[in-house]
């Protein structure tokens, strides 16, 4: 038998291919419970408070002035002049007294009782209903 060179016999070779398919499943492996607790503890706050006092000194002065002097500041002292009119042939103003007001400051330590609060978190691990491989522990 003579073959026709234009026609080639076709042979089929089957090709097999495997494919993998991955699935995921969520599995509960652990549980936690978080609670907060407020703790209060007493504390003593320390600070310093400034307290001021006034010293008043009266000084007798007897000199002639023609008008009442205004209050004046000398260092830490405020000086206020007290005047009176005196009947003489001519009216004259005399400073008869000076009132000296001096400011003094004191620093006193004080303790103020109080309390502070702090919140802390408590984490508890709880058992789960399934084992780590995903099989149901109840059966």
N, C-alpha and C. Protein backbone atom coordinates (compact mmCIF):
# COMPACT_ATOMS: atom_id res chain seq x y z
N UNK A 1 0.82 -1.14 0.00
CA UNK A 1 0.00 0.00 0.00
C UNK A 1 0.88 1.23 0.00
N UNK A 2 0.41 2.08 -0.75
CA UNK A 2 1.19 3.28 -0.94
C UNK A 2 0.63 4.39 -0.06
N UNK A 3 1.57 5.08 0.53
CA UNK A 3 1.14 6.19 1.43
C UNK A 3 1.11 7.47 0.66
N UNK A 4 0.15 8.27 1.08
CA UNK A 4 0.04 9.60 0.52
C UNK A 4 0.85 10.54 1.42
N UNK A 5 1.89 11.12 0.83
CA UNK A 5 2.73 11.96 1.68
C UNK A 5 2.00 13.19 2.19
N UNK A 6 0.93 13.60 1.62
CA UNK A 6 0.21 14.80 2.07
C UNK A 6 -0.63 14.52 3.30
N UNK A 7 -0.99 13.32 3.56
CA UNK A 7 -1.83 12.97 4.70
C UNK A 7 -0.94 12.26 5.71
N UNK A 8 -0.87 12.82 6.90
CA UNK A 8 -0.07 12.23 7.96
C UNK A 8 -1.04 11.69 9.01
N UNK A 9 -0.81 10.46 9.42
CA UNK A 9 -1.71 9.97 10.46
C UNK A 9 -1.45 10.71 11.79
N UNK A 10 -2.50 11.03 12.51
CA UNK A 10 -2.41 11.78 13.77
C UNK A 10 -2.63 10.83 14.91
N UNK A 11 -1.73 10.89 15.85
CA UNK A 11 -1.90 10.09 17.05
C UNK A 11 -2.13 11.04 18.22
N UNK A 12 -3.06 10.73 19.07
CA UNK A 12 -3.37 11.58 20.22
C UNK A 12 -2.72 11.01 21.46
N UNK A 13 -1.98 11.87 22.18
CA UNK A 13 -1.36 11.48 23.45
C UNK A 13 -2.06 12.30 24.54
N UNK A 14 -2.69 11.62 25.44
CA UNK A 14 -3.39 12.38 26.50
C UNK A 14 -2.38 13.03 27.46
N UNK A 15 -2.65 14.30 27.86
CA UNK A 15 -1.81 15.03 28.82
C UNK A 15 -2.63 15.22 30.09
N UNK A 16 -2.04 14.86 31.19
CA UNK A 16 -2.73 14.94 32.47
C UNK A 16 -2.03 16.02 33.31
N UNK A 17 -2.80 16.86 33.93
CA UNK A 17 -2.24 17.90 34.80
C UNK A 17 -3.03 17.92 36.09
N UNK A 18 -2.31 17.96 37.21
CA UNK A 18 -2.98 18.06 38.50
C UNK A 18 -2.97 19.52 38.94
N UNK A 19 -4.04 19.95 39.62
CA UNK A 19 -4.11 21.29 40.16
C UNK A 19 -4.48 21.18 41.63
N UNK A 20 -3.91 22.06 42.43
CA UNK A 20 -4.22 22.10 43.85
C UNK A 20 -5.14 23.27 44.13
N UNK A 21 -6.00 23.07 45.08
CA UNK A 21 -6.91 24.14 45.49
C UNK A 21 -6.82 24.25 47.01
N UNK A 22 -6.52 25.45 47.51
CA UNK A 22 -6.35 25.66 48.94
C UNK A 22 -7.58 26.38 49.47
N UNK A 23 -8.10 25.87 50.58
CA UNK A 23 -9.22 26.55 51.25
C UNK A 23 -8.77 26.92 52.66
N UNK A 24 -9.36 27.95 53.19
CA UNK A 24 -9.04 28.39 54.54
C UNK A 24 -10.30 28.35 55.37
N UNK A 25 -10.11 28.08 56.62
CA UNK A 25 -11.24 28.04 57.54
C UNK A 25 -10.80 28.72 58.84
N UNK A 26 -11.60 29.65 59.31
CA UNK A 26 -11.28 30.33 60.57
C UNK A 26 -11.56 29.38 61.72
N UNK A 27 -10.58 29.23 62.60
CA UNK A 27 -10.70 28.34 63.74
C UNK A 27 -10.39 29.15 65.00
N UNK A 28 -11.28 29.13 65.93
CA UNK A 28 -11.05 29.82 67.19
C UNK A 28 -10.09 28.99 68.03
N UNK A 29 -8.95 29.60 68.37
CA UNK A 29 -7.94 28.86 69.14
C UNK A 29 -7.81 29.38 70.56
N UNK A 30 -8.28 30.58 70.80
CA UNK A 30 -8.12 31.14 72.13
C UNK A 30 -9.13 32.26 72.31
N UNK A 31 -9.47 32.54 73.54
CA UNK A 31 -10.37 33.64 73.87
C UNK A 31 -9.75 34.43 75.01
N UNK A 32 -10.02 35.72 75.03
CA UNK A 32 -9.57 36.55 76.14
C UNK A 32 -10.71 37.44 76.59
N UNK A 33 -10.65 37.82 77.84
CA UNK A 33 -11.60 38.79 78.40
C UNK A 33 -10.76 39.91 79.01
N UNK A 34 -11.05 41.14 78.62
CA UNK A 34 -10.32 42.29 79.16
C UNK A 34 -11.28 43.11 79.99
N UNK A 35 -10.93 43.31 81.25
CA UNK A 35 -11.72 44.17 82.13
C UNK A 35 -10.79 45.23 82.69
N UNK A 36 -11.38 46.32 83.12
CA UNK A 36 -10.58 47.38 83.73
C UNK A 36 -11.02 47.56 85.16
N UNK A 37 -10.07 47.93 85.98
CA UNK A 37 -10.35 48.19 87.38
C UNK A 37 -9.74 49.53 87.73
N UNK A 38 -10.46 50.31 88.53
CA UNK A 38 -9.95 51.59 88.97
C UNK A 38 -9.46 51.43 90.40
N UNK A 39 -8.22 51.75 90.58
CA UNK A 39 -7.62 51.68 91.91
C UNK A 39 -7.41 53.10 92.40
N UNK A 40 -7.70 53.33 93.66
CA UNK A 40 -7.51 54.65 94.23
C UNK A 40 -6.56 54.52 95.40
N UNK A 41 -5.60 55.42 95.44
CA UNK A 41 -4.65 55.38 96.55
C UNK A 41 -4.47 56.80 97.08
N UNK A 42 -4.30 56.91 98.37
CA UNK A 42 -4.13 58.26 98.93
C UNK A 42 -2.75 58.80 98.65
N UNK A 43 -2.67 60.07 98.41
CA UNK A 43 -1.39 60.75 98.20
C UNK A 43 -1.41 62.05 98.98
N UNK A 44 -0.25 62.57 99.26
CA UNK A 44 -0.12 63.87 99.89
C UNK A 44 0.65 64.77 98.93
N UNK A 45 0.02 65.83 98.52
CA UNK A 45 0.66 66.78 97.62
C UNK A 45 1.35 67.85 98.46
N UNK A 46 2.58 68.14 98.15
CA UNK A 46 3.31 69.14 98.90
C UNK A 46 3.57 70.34 98.01
N UNK A 47 3.35 71.51 98.54
CA UNK A 47 3.60 72.74 97.81
C UNK A 47 3.92 73.82 98.83
N UNK A 48 4.26 74.99 98.35
CA UNK A 48 4.54 76.11 99.25
C UNK A 48 3.57 77.24 98.90
N UNK A 49 2.98 77.82 99.91
CA UNK A 49 2.08 78.95 99.72
C UNK A 49 2.77 80.21 100.25
N UNK A 50 2.57 81.31 99.56
CA UNK A 50 3.14 82.57 100.02
C UNK A 50 2.10 83.31 100.83
N UNK A 51 2.54 83.79 102.00
CA UNK A 51 1.67 84.57 102.87
C UNK A 51 2.34 85.91 103.09
N UNK A 52 1.58 86.97 103.04
CA UNK A 52 2.15 88.29 103.24
C UNK A 52 1.51 88.95 104.44
N UNK A 53 2.31 89.70 105.14
CA UNK A 53 1.84 90.48 106.29
C UNK A 53 2.27 91.92 106.09
N UNK A 54 1.60 92.84 106.74
CA UNK A 54 1.98 94.25 106.69
C UNK A 54 2.42 94.67 108.08
N UNK A 55 3.56 95.32 108.15
CA UNK A 55 4.02 95.96 109.38
C UNK A 55 3.71 97.45 109.25
N UNK A 56 3.08 98.00 110.24
CA UNK A 56 2.74 99.42 110.23
C UNK A 56 3.56 100.10 111.32
N UNK A 57 4.33 101.08 110.93
CA UNK A 57 5.16 101.85 111.88
C UNK A 57 4.72 103.31 111.79
N UNK A 58 4.55 103.96 112.92
CA UNK A 58 4.17 105.37 112.94
C UNK A 58 5.38 106.17 113.43
N UNK A 59 5.79 107.14 112.63
CA UNK A 59 6.96 107.94 112.95
C UNK A 59 6.52 109.41 113.08
N UNK A 60 6.85 110.03 114.19
CA UNK A 60 6.48 111.43 114.39
C UNK A 60 7.44 112.33 113.61
N UNK A 61 6.86 113.21 112.81
CA UNK A 61 7.61 114.15 111.97
C UNK A 61 6.95 115.50 112.18
N UNK A 62 7.70 116.56 112.23
CA UNK A 62 7.10 117.87 112.45
C UNK A 62 7.82 118.87 111.56
N UNK A 63 7.50 118.85 110.25
CA UNK A 63 8.13 119.83 109.37
C UNK A 63 7.08 120.48 108.47
N UNK A 64 7.38 121.68 108.10
CA UNK A 64 6.47 122.53 107.33
C UNK A 64 6.44 122.10 105.88
N UNK A 65 5.22 122.01 105.33
CA UNK A 65 5.03 121.74 103.90
C UNK A 65 3.99 122.72 103.38
N UNK A 66 3.96 122.97 102.10
CA UNK A 66 3.01 123.91 101.52
C UNK A 66 1.83 123.22 100.87
N UNK A 67 1.95 121.93 100.65
CA UNK A 67 0.82 121.12 100.19
C UNK A 67 1.03 119.69 100.69
N UNK A 68 -0.06 118.94 100.74
CA UNK A 68 0.02 117.57 101.27
C UNK A 68 0.85 116.71 100.32
N UNK A 69 1.89 116.05 100.84
CA UNK A 69 2.72 115.20 99.98
C UNK A 69 1.93 113.97 99.54
N UNK A 70 2.11 113.55 98.29
CA UNK A 70 1.43 112.32 97.85
C UNK A 70 2.12 111.11 98.46
N UNK A 71 1.44 109.96 98.50
CA UNK A 71 2.10 108.74 98.97
C UNK A 71 3.33 108.46 98.10
N UNK A 72 4.38 107.90 98.73
CA UNK A 72 5.60 107.62 97.98
C UNK A 72 6.12 106.23 98.35
N UNK A 73 6.87 105.67 97.44
CA UNK A 73 7.44 104.34 97.62
C UNK A 73 8.93 104.49 97.84
N UNK A 74 9.44 103.90 98.89
CA UNK A 74 10.89 103.86 99.14
C UNK A 74 11.26 102.41 99.40
N UNK A 75 11.87 101.76 98.41
CA UNK A 75 12.21 100.34 98.54
C UNK A 75 10.94 99.52 98.66
N UNK A 76 10.84 98.74 99.73
CA UNK A 76 9.63 97.93 99.92
C UNK A 76 8.64 98.62 100.86
N UNK A 77 8.82 99.93 101.10
CA UNK A 77 7.94 100.67 102.02
C UNK A 77 7.08 101.67 101.25
N UNK A 78 5.83 101.75 101.62
CA UNK A 78 4.91 102.78 101.14
C UNK A 78 4.77 103.79 102.27
N UNK A 79 5.03 105.04 101.99
CA UNK A 79 5.00 106.07 103.03
C UNK A 79 3.83 107.01 102.75
N UNK A 80 2.94 107.11 103.73
CA UNK A 80 1.77 107.98 103.64
C UNK A 80 1.96 109.10 104.66
N UNK A 81 1.83 110.34 104.23
CA UNK A 81 2.01 111.49 105.14
C UNK A 81 0.66 111.92 105.69
N UNK A 82 0.63 112.18 106.99
CA UNK A 82 -0.57 112.69 107.66
C UNK A 82 -0.29 114.17 107.95
N UNK A 83 -1.20 115.03 107.50
CA UNK A 83 -0.99 116.48 107.67
C UNK A 83 -2.10 117.08 108.53
N UNK A 84 -1.80 118.26 109.13
CA UNK A 84 -2.81 119.03 109.84
C UNK A 84 -2.57 120.50 109.57
N UNK A 85 -3.65 121.22 109.59
CA UNK A 85 -3.53 122.67 109.49
C UNK A 85 -3.36 123.22 110.89
N UNK A 86 -2.48 124.20 111.01
CA UNK A 86 -2.27 124.86 112.28
C UNK A 86 -2.55 126.34 112.10
N UNK A 87 -3.22 126.87 113.07
CA UNK A 87 -3.52 128.30 113.02
C UNK A 87 -2.30 129.07 113.52
N UNK A 88 -1.72 129.78 112.64
CA UNK A 88 -0.62 130.69 112.95
C UNK A 88 -0.95 131.97 112.21
N UNK A 89 -0.09 132.91 112.23
CA UNK A 89 -0.36 134.14 111.51
C UNK A 89 -0.68 133.78 110.06
N UNK A 90 -0.04 132.78 109.59
CA UNK A 90 -0.27 132.30 108.24
C UNK A 90 -0.56 130.80 108.37
N UNK A 91 -1.47 130.35 107.54
CA UNK A 91 -1.71 128.90 107.56
C UNK A 91 -0.52 128.19 106.95
N UNK A 92 -0.10 127.15 107.62
CA UNK A 92 1.01 126.35 107.12
C UNK A 92 0.66 124.88 107.32
N UNK A 93 1.17 124.06 106.43
CA UNK A 93 0.97 122.62 106.55
C UNK A 93 2.21 122.01 107.19
N UNK A 94 1.97 121.20 108.18
CA UNK A 94 3.06 120.49 108.84
C UNK A 94 2.81 119.00 108.70
N UNK A 95 3.83 118.25 108.33
CA UNK A 95 3.73 116.81 108.39
C UNK A 95 3.94 116.44 109.84
N UNK A 96 2.94 115.86 110.44
CA UNK A 96 3.05 115.55 111.86
C UNK A 96 3.34 114.07 112.10
N UNK A 97 3.12 113.27 111.08
CA UNK A 97 3.35 111.84 111.26
C UNK A 97 3.47 111.20 109.89
N UNK A 98 4.26 110.15 109.81
CA UNK A 98 4.32 109.33 108.62
C UNK A 98 3.92 107.91 109.00
N UNK A 99 3.10 107.34 108.20
CA UNK A 99 2.70 105.95 108.39
C UNK A 99 3.49 105.14 107.36
N UNK A 100 4.30 104.24 107.85
CA UNK A 100 5.15 103.42 106.97
C UNK A 100 4.57 102.02 106.92
N UNK A 101 4.24 101.56 105.74
CA UNK A 101 3.66 100.23 105.54
C UNK A 101 4.70 99.40 104.80
N UNK A 102 5.15 98.33 105.42
CA UNK A 102 6.18 97.46 104.85
C UNK A 102 5.56 96.09 104.60
N UNK A 103 5.81 95.55 103.45
CA UNK A 103 5.28 94.24 103.09
C UNK A 103 6.34 93.19 103.36
N UNK A 104 5.96 92.12 104.04
CA UNK A 104 6.87 91.00 104.29
C UNK A 104 6.24 89.74 103.71
N UNK A 105 7.05 88.92 103.08
CA UNK A 105 6.56 87.68 102.48
C UNK A 105 7.16 86.50 103.21
N UNK A 106 6.36 85.44 103.35
CA UNK A 106 6.79 84.21 103.99
C UNK A 106 6.42 83.05 103.09
N UNK A 107 7.27 82.07 103.03
CA UNK A 107 6.97 80.85 102.29
C UNK A 107 6.74 79.77 103.34
N UNK A 108 5.58 79.16 103.30
CA UNK A 108 5.23 78.12 104.25
C UNK A 108 4.96 76.82 103.51
N UNK A 109 5.63 75.73 103.88
CA UNK A 109 5.30 74.44 103.26
C UNK A 109 3.95 73.95 103.78
N UNK A 110 3.15 73.40 102.90
CA UNK A 110 1.85 72.86 103.28
C UNK A 110 1.69 71.47 102.70
N UNK A 111 0.88 70.66 103.33
CA UNK A 111 0.54 69.32 102.82
C UNK A 111 -0.95 69.27 102.59
N UNK A 112 -1.34 68.87 101.39
CA UNK A 112 -2.74 68.83 101.01
C UNK A 112 -3.10 67.37 100.76
N UNK A 113 -3.99 66.78 101.58
CA UNK A 113 -4.35 65.38 101.35
C UNK A 113 -5.24 65.26 100.10
N UNK A 114 -5.09 64.17 99.41
CA UNK A 114 -5.90 63.92 98.22
C UNK A 114 -5.77 62.47 97.83
N UNK A 115 -6.26 62.12 96.65
CA UNK A 115 -6.12 60.77 96.16
C UNK A 115 -5.98 60.81 94.64
N UNK A 116 -5.35 59.79 94.11
CA UNK A 116 -5.21 59.66 92.67
C UNK A 116 -5.79 58.31 92.27
N UNK A 117 -6.31 58.24 91.05
CA UNK A 117 -6.88 57.00 90.54
C UNK A 117 -6.11 56.56 89.31
N UNK A 118 -5.98 55.27 89.17
CA UNK A 118 -5.31 54.71 88.00
C UNK A 118 -6.15 53.53 87.51
N UNK A 119 -6.26 53.39 86.21
CA UNK A 119 -7.01 52.28 85.62
C UNK A 119 -6.01 51.24 85.16
N UNK A 120 -6.25 49.99 85.49
CA UNK A 120 -5.39 48.93 85.00
C UNK A 120 -6.25 47.90 84.29
N UNK A 121 -5.70 47.22 83.29
CA UNK A 121 -6.43 46.24 82.51
C UNK A 121 -6.06 44.84 82.98
N UNK A 122 -7.07 43.99 83.13
CA UNK A 122 -6.86 42.60 83.51
C UNK A 122 -7.25 41.74 82.30
N UNK A 123 -6.32 40.90 81.82
CA UNK A 123 -6.58 40.06 80.65
C UNK A 123 -6.63 38.62 81.13
N UNK A 124 -7.76 37.92 80.86
CA UNK A 124 -7.91 36.52 81.24
C UNK A 124 -8.00 35.69 79.96
N UNK A 125 -7.26 34.58 79.91
CA UNK A 125 -7.38 33.66 78.79
C UNK A 125 -8.49 32.67 79.12
N UNK A 126 -9.41 32.48 78.18
CA UNK A 126 -10.56 31.61 78.39
C UNK A 126 -10.42 30.37 77.50
N UNK A 127 -10.97 29.23 77.92
CA UNK A 127 -10.92 28.04 77.05
C UNK A 127 -11.85 28.22 75.85
N UNK A 128 -11.50 27.55 74.76
CA UNK A 128 -12.33 27.62 73.55
C UNK A 128 -13.14 26.33 73.43
N UNK A 129 -14.10 26.33 72.51
CA UNK A 129 -14.94 25.15 72.30
C UNK A 129 -14.32 24.18 71.29
N UNK A 130 -13.22 24.54 70.64
CA UNK A 130 -12.61 23.69 69.63
C UNK A 130 -11.14 23.49 69.96
N UNK A 131 -10.58 22.41 69.41
CA UNK A 131 -9.14 22.19 69.62
C UNK A 131 -8.37 22.96 68.55
N UNK A 132 -7.07 23.12 68.67
CA UNK A 132 -6.31 23.93 67.72
C UNK A 132 -6.34 23.44 66.28
N UNK A 133 -6.61 22.12 66.02
CA UNK A 133 -6.64 21.62 64.64
C UNK A 133 -7.96 21.95 63.97
N UNK A 134 -8.92 22.46 64.68
CA UNK A 134 -10.17 22.84 64.04
C UNK A 134 -11.28 21.83 64.25
N UNK A 135 -11.00 20.64 64.80
CA UNK A 135 -12.06 19.66 65.02
C UNK A 135 -12.88 20.11 66.22
N UNK A 136 -14.14 19.93 66.13
CA UNK A 136 -15.05 20.33 67.20
C UNK A 136 -14.83 19.43 68.41
N UNK A 137 -14.57 20.02 69.59
CA UNK A 137 -14.27 19.25 70.80
C UNK A 137 -15.51 18.61 71.37
N UNK A 138 -16.69 19.08 70.98
CA UNK A 138 -17.93 18.52 71.53
C UNK A 138 -18.31 17.21 70.86
N UNK A 139 -17.68 16.89 69.80
CA UNK A 139 -17.99 15.60 69.17
C UNK A 139 -18.50 15.83 67.84
